[in-house]
Amino acid sequence: GVAISTYAKYCYNKLQKAALTGAKKGLKKPNIEEIRHAKNAVFNPSMFGSSLQDIINMQKERYPDRQLPWVQTRLSEEVLALNGDQTEGIFRVPGDIDEVNALKLQVDQWKIPTGLEDPHVPASLLKLWYRELEEPLIPHEFYEQCITHYENPEAAIAVVHSLPRINKTVLCYLIRFLQVFVQPANVAVTKMDVNNLAMVMAPNCLRCQSDDPRIIFENTRKEMSFIRVLIQHLDTSFM
């Protein structure tokens, strides 16, 4: 009894995203559970590839008082629970793609992850969640301000405080999370200092809309510097 247009609109949106990001990669063919999940996704939207507001709306029934996306906090806590802050190359070394896909399926069904041993798996999925947000964590209309104020801590922090409330809250949680990893005792083990963290996280927060390779290359450095400034200077103690 569902209108064909419901499926058509959903498939069209998926096709547009696949054209931009590429198909899901992995060694295994989809299993029965993944196919069943994909069939139901039109009625049960994924937390991956949705907008922040849509994700908050999805979780209202389960977590009516949460101001942060459950998927964000759950995966962040999982990284720390598996001693990710004491794991060399965390956020740089990718997790096993099939384990990441399996974890994505679990999380999308609101299941608490079980049986995880490698912190690179939830770390990879967490990066994927940020990267696949329908609109970037720092919305497009703030992009120019970010790359203009990439070396000015006061101006960079002012940009954060001017973001829509939900984007500001989610970004501040991410920065507070990354500030755990830049503690000298952790960097000594992970080999991921503030520069390395900014390098791997900037593409998940900011998206350059230009097609010009020279502009993309030049802005990549500024994006990294902007995130580095936030990690070093943003006061997240209110989180």
Protein backbone atom coordinates (compact mmCIF):
# COMPACT_ATOMS: atom_id res chain seq x y z
CA GLY A 1 0.00 0.00 0.00
CA VAL A 2 3.00 2.31 -0.31
CA ALA A 3 3.16 4.77 -3.21
CA ILE A 4 5.83 4.02 -5.81
CA SER A 5 6.97 7.65 -5.47
CA THR A 6 8.09 6.89 -1.89
CA TYR A 7 10.56 4.29 -3.17
CA ALA A 8 11.52 6.39 -6.20
CA LYS A 9 12.42 9.40 -4.06
CA TYR A 10 14.43 7.26 -1.64
CA CYS A 11 16.33 5.46 -4.45
CA TYR A 12 17.03 8.74 -6.23
CA ASN A 13 18.55 10.23 -3.06
CA LYS A 14 20.67 7.10 -2.52
CA LEU A 15 21.85 7.23 -6.13
CA GLN A 16 22.85 10.89 -5.80
CA LYS A 17 24.89 10.12 -2.68
CA ALA A 18 26.52 7.06 -4.29
CA ALA A 19 27.51 9.22 -7.27
CA LEU A 20 29.30 11.59 -4.89
CA THR A 21 30.83 9.17 -2.40
CA GLY A 22 31.10 5.92 -4.37
CA ALA A 23 29.57 2.57 -3.57
CA LYS A 24 30.03 0.76 -0.27
CA LYS A 25 33.36 -1.03 -0.33
CA GLY A 26 34.10 -4.39 1.22
CA LEU A 27 35.19 -7.90 0.41
CA LYS A 28 31.97 -9.64 1.27
CA LYS A 29 28.67 -9.68 -0.57
CA PRO A 30 25.76 -8.29 1.47
CA ASN A 31 24.37 -10.88 3.87
CA ILE A 32 20.66 -11.55 4.39
CA GLU A 33 20.47 -9.21 7.37
CA GLU A 34 22.05 -6.35 5.41
CA ILE A 35 19.62 -6.89 2.50
CA ARG A 36 16.66 -6.95 4.90
CA HIS A 37 17.93 -3.77 6.54
CA ALA A 38 18.29 -2.08 3.13
CA LYS A 39 14.71 -3.06 2.19
CA ASN A 40 13.36 -1.50 5.39
CA ALA A 41 15.55 1.61 5.21
CA VAL A 42 12.92 3.53 3.24
CA PHE A 43 10.64 3.27 6.29
CA ASN A 44 13.43 3.32 8.90
CA PRO A 45 15.91 5.97 7.74
CA SER A 46 19.59 5.43 8.45
CA MET A 47 21.51 7.56 10.93
CA PHE A 48 24.22 7.70 8.27
CA GLY A 49 23.72 10.22 5.49
CA SER A 50 20.91 12.04 7.31
CA SER A 51 20.85 15.58 8.66
CA LEU A 52 21.62 16.25 12.32
CA GLN A 53 18.05 17.40 12.94
CA ASP A 54 16.64 14.25 11.31
CA ILE A 55 18.89 12.11 13.52
CA ILE A 56 17.71 13.92 16.67
CA ASN A 57 14.11 13.41 15.51
CA MET A 58 14.77 9.68 14.92
CA GLN A 59 15.98 9.18 18.48
CA LYS A 60 13.27 11.23 20.22
CA GLU A 61 11.20 8.18 21.04
CA ARG A 62 14.14 6.32 22.60
CA TYR A 63 16.10 9.26 24.00
CA PRO A 64 13.72 12.24 24.32
CA ASP A 65 16.10 14.34 26.44
CA ARG A 66 19.33 13.80 24.50
CA GLN A 67 20.75 16.88 22.80
CA LEU A 68 23.53 14.93 21.10
CA PRO A 69 23.11 12.15 18.53
CA TRP A 70 23.23 8.74 20.22
CA VAL A 71 25.35 7.36 17.36
CA GLN A 72 28.00 10.06 17.95
CA THR A 73 28.32 9.53 21.69
CA ARG A 74 28.01 5.73 21.49
CA LEU A 75 30.83 5.34 18.98
CA SER A 76 33.03 7.91 20.74
CA GLU A 77 32.61 6.05 24.04
CA GLU A 78 33.36 2.76 22.27
CA VAL A 79 36.68 4.11 20.95
CA LEU A 80 37.73 5.08 24.47
CA ALA A 81 36.40 1.85 26.03
CA LEU A 82 38.72 -0.09 23.68
CA ASN A 83 41.68 2.09 24.74
CA GLY A 84 41.74 4.02 21.49
CA ASP A 85 43.60 6.81 23.30
CA GLN A 86 46.44 4.32 23.79
CA THR A 87 46.40 2.86 20.27
CA GLU A 88 49.01 3.82 17.71
CA GLY A 89 47.58 5.48 14.60
CA ILE A 90 44.05 5.90 15.98
CA PHE A 91 41.85 7.70 13.38
CA ARG A 92 44.62 7.30 10.81
CA VAL A 93 44.71 3.51 10.51
CA PRO A 94 41.45 2.23 8.97
CA GLY A 95 39.45 -0.52 10.64
CA ASP A 96 38.67 -3.75 8.76
CA ILE A 97 36.04 -2.66 6.20
CA ASP A 98 33.79 -5.68 6.73
CA GLU A 99 33.87 -5.24 10.51
CA VAL A 100 33.07 -1.54 10.01
CA ASN A 101 30.11 -2.42 7.77
CA ALA A 102 28.86 -4.96 10.33
CA LEU A 103 29.15 -2.39 13.14
CA LYS A 104 27.31 0.17 11.00
CA LEU A 105 24.41 -2.29 10.64
CA GLN A 106 24.35 -2.90 14.41
CA VAL A 107 24.39 0.79 15.27
CA ASP A 108 21.71 1.60 12.70
CA GLN A 109 19.47 -0.86 14.51
CA TRP A 110 20.15 0.93 17.84
CA LYS A 111 22.09 -2.04 19.18
CA ILE A 112 24.88 -1.54 21.69
CA PRO A 113 28.01 -2.80 19.90
CA THR A 114 29.21 -6.19 21.13
CA GLY A 115 32.31 -8.28 20.53
CA LEU A 116 34.51 -5.39 19.42
CA GLU A 117 38.22 -5.69 20.08
CA ASP A 118 39.85 -3.25 17.65
CA PRO A 119 39.34 0.47 18.41
CA HIS A 120 40.11 1.28 14.76
CA VAL A 121 36.69 -0.17 13.84
CA PRO A 122 34.48 2.25 15.84
CA ALA A 123 36.96 5.07 15.08
CA SER A 124 36.56 4.45 11.33
CA LEU A 125 32.77 4.31 11.61
CA LEU A 126 32.70 7.50 13.66
CA LYS A 127 34.68 9.32 10.96
CA LEU A 128 32.32 7.88 8.34
CA TRP A 129 29.28 9.16 10.27
CA TYR A 130 30.66 12.71 10.33
CA ARG A 131 31.73 12.51 6.69
CA GLU A 132 28.35 11.20 5.46
CA LEU A 133 26.18 13.81 7.21
CA GLU A 134 23.71 15.19 4.69
CA GLU A 135 25.04 18.67 5.35
CA PRO A 136 28.62 19.05 6.66
CA LEU A 137 29.03 19.47 10.41
CA ILE A 138 30.14 23.04 9.74
CA PRO A 139 27.49 24.13 7.20
CA HIS A 140 28.49 25.48 3.79
CA GLU A 141 27.49 29.06 4.61
CA PHE A 142 30.19 29.19 7.32
CA TYR A 143 32.94 27.67 5.14
CA GLU A 144 34.46 30.94 3.91
CA GLN A 145 34.63 32.30 7.47
CA CYS A 146 36.48 29.17 8.57
CA ILE A 147 39.16 29.33 5.90
CA THR A 148 39.50 33.08 6.40
CA HIS A 149 40.08 32.81 10.16
CA TYR A 150 42.13 29.61 10.11
CA GLU A 151 45.01 31.19 12.09
CA ASN A 152 43.01 33.44 14.41
CA PRO A 153 41.81 31.61 17.56
CA GLU A 154 39.36 34.31 18.67
CA ALA A 155 37.75 34.62 15.25
CA ALA A 156 37.66 30.81 14.79
CA ILE A 157 35.92 30.37 18.15
CA ALA A 158 33.46 33.14 17.21
CA VAL A 159 32.55 31.12 14.10
CA VAL A 160 31.78 28.09 16.29
CA HIS A 161 29.52 30.15 18.55
CA SER A 162 27.64 31.49 15.52
CA LEU A 163 26.73 27.99 14.26
CA PRO A 164 23.17 26.67 14.57
CA ARG A 165 22.69 25.24 18.07
CA ILE A 166 22.74 21.57 17.09
CA ASN A 167 25.85 21.97 14.88
CA LYS A 168 27.63 23.88 17.63
CA THR A 169 26.79 21.22 20.25
CA VAL A 170 27.89 18.31 18.05
CA LEU A 171 31.09 20.09 16.97
CA CYS A 172 31.99 21.01 20.56
CA TYR A 173 31.51 17.38 21.61
CA LEU A 174 33.84 16.27 18.82
CA ILE A 175 36.49 18.84 19.76
CA ARG A 176 36.26 17.87 23.46
CA PHE A 177 36.68 14.23 22.40
CA LEU A 178 39.77 15.06 20.30
CA GLN A 179 41.23 17.07 23.17
CA VAL A 180 41.51 13.78 25.09
CA PHE A 181 43.82 12.44 22.39
CA VAL A 182 46.19 15.43 22.34
CA GLN A 183 47.25 14.89 25.95
CA PRO A 184 51.05 14.36 25.82
CA ALA A 185 50.82 10.94 27.53
CA ASN A 186 48.43 9.75 24.81
CA VAL A 187 50.32 11.29 21.89
CA ALA A 188 53.47 9.46 23.04
CA VAL A 189 51.67 6.16 22.32
CA THR A 190 49.27 7.02 19.47
CA LYS A 191 51.78 9.12 17.48
CA MET A 192 48.73 11.27 16.64
CA ASP A 193 49.51 14.83 17.68
CA VAL A 194 47.23 17.82 17.14
CA ASN A 195 48.45 18.25 13.55
CA ASN A 196 47.74 14.64 12.65
CA LEU A 197 44.30 14.71 14.30
CA ALA A 198 43.40 17.93 12.51
CA MET A 199 44.54 16.43 9.21
CA VAL A 200 42.32 13.33 9.49
CA MET A 201 39.31 15.13 10.99
CA ALA A 202 39.09 18.32 8.92
CA PRO A 203 37.60 16.56 5.84
CA ASN A 204 34.86 15.17 8.11
CA CYS A 205 33.86 18.65 9.35
CA LEU A 206 34.32 20.95 6.34
CA ARG A 207 33.57 20.38 2.65
CA CYS A 208 35.04 22.54 -0.06
CA GLN A 209 32.45 23.04 -2.80
CA SER A 210 34.91 24.10 -5.49
CA ASP A 211 35.85 21.75 -8.34
CA ASP A 212 39.15 23.56 -8.95
CA PRO A 213 42.03 21.29 -7.80
CA ARG A 214 44.18 24.32 -6.92
CA ILE A 215 41.50 25.79 -4.64
CA ILE A 216 40.84 22.39 -3.05
CA PHE A 217 44.57 21.90 -2.41
CA GLU A 218 45.02 25.39 -0.96
CA ASN A 219 41.90 25.16 1.21
CA THR A 220 42.84 21.73 2.58
CA ARG A 221 45.70 23.34 4.50
CA LYS A 222 43.40 26.06 5.84
CA GLU A 223 40.72 23.53 6.87
CA MET A 224 43.32 21.55 8.82
CA SER A 225 44.62 24.70 10.49
CA PHE A 226 41.08 25.77 11.49
CA ILE A 227 40.37 22.42 13.20
CA ARG A 228 43.82 22.48 14.84
CA VAL A 229 43.10 25.94 16.29
CA LEU A 230 39.79 24.67 17.72
CA ILE A 231 41.44 21.63 19.33
CA GLN A 232 44.06 23.89 20.90
CA HIS A 233 41.91 26.85 21.96
CA LEU A 234 38.18 26.02 22.13
CA ASP A 235 36.86 25.84 25.70
CA THR A 236 34.67 22.74 25.80
CA SER A 237 34.39 22.47 29.58
CA PHE A 238 30.64 23.25 29.35
CA MET A 239 29.98 19.94 27.57
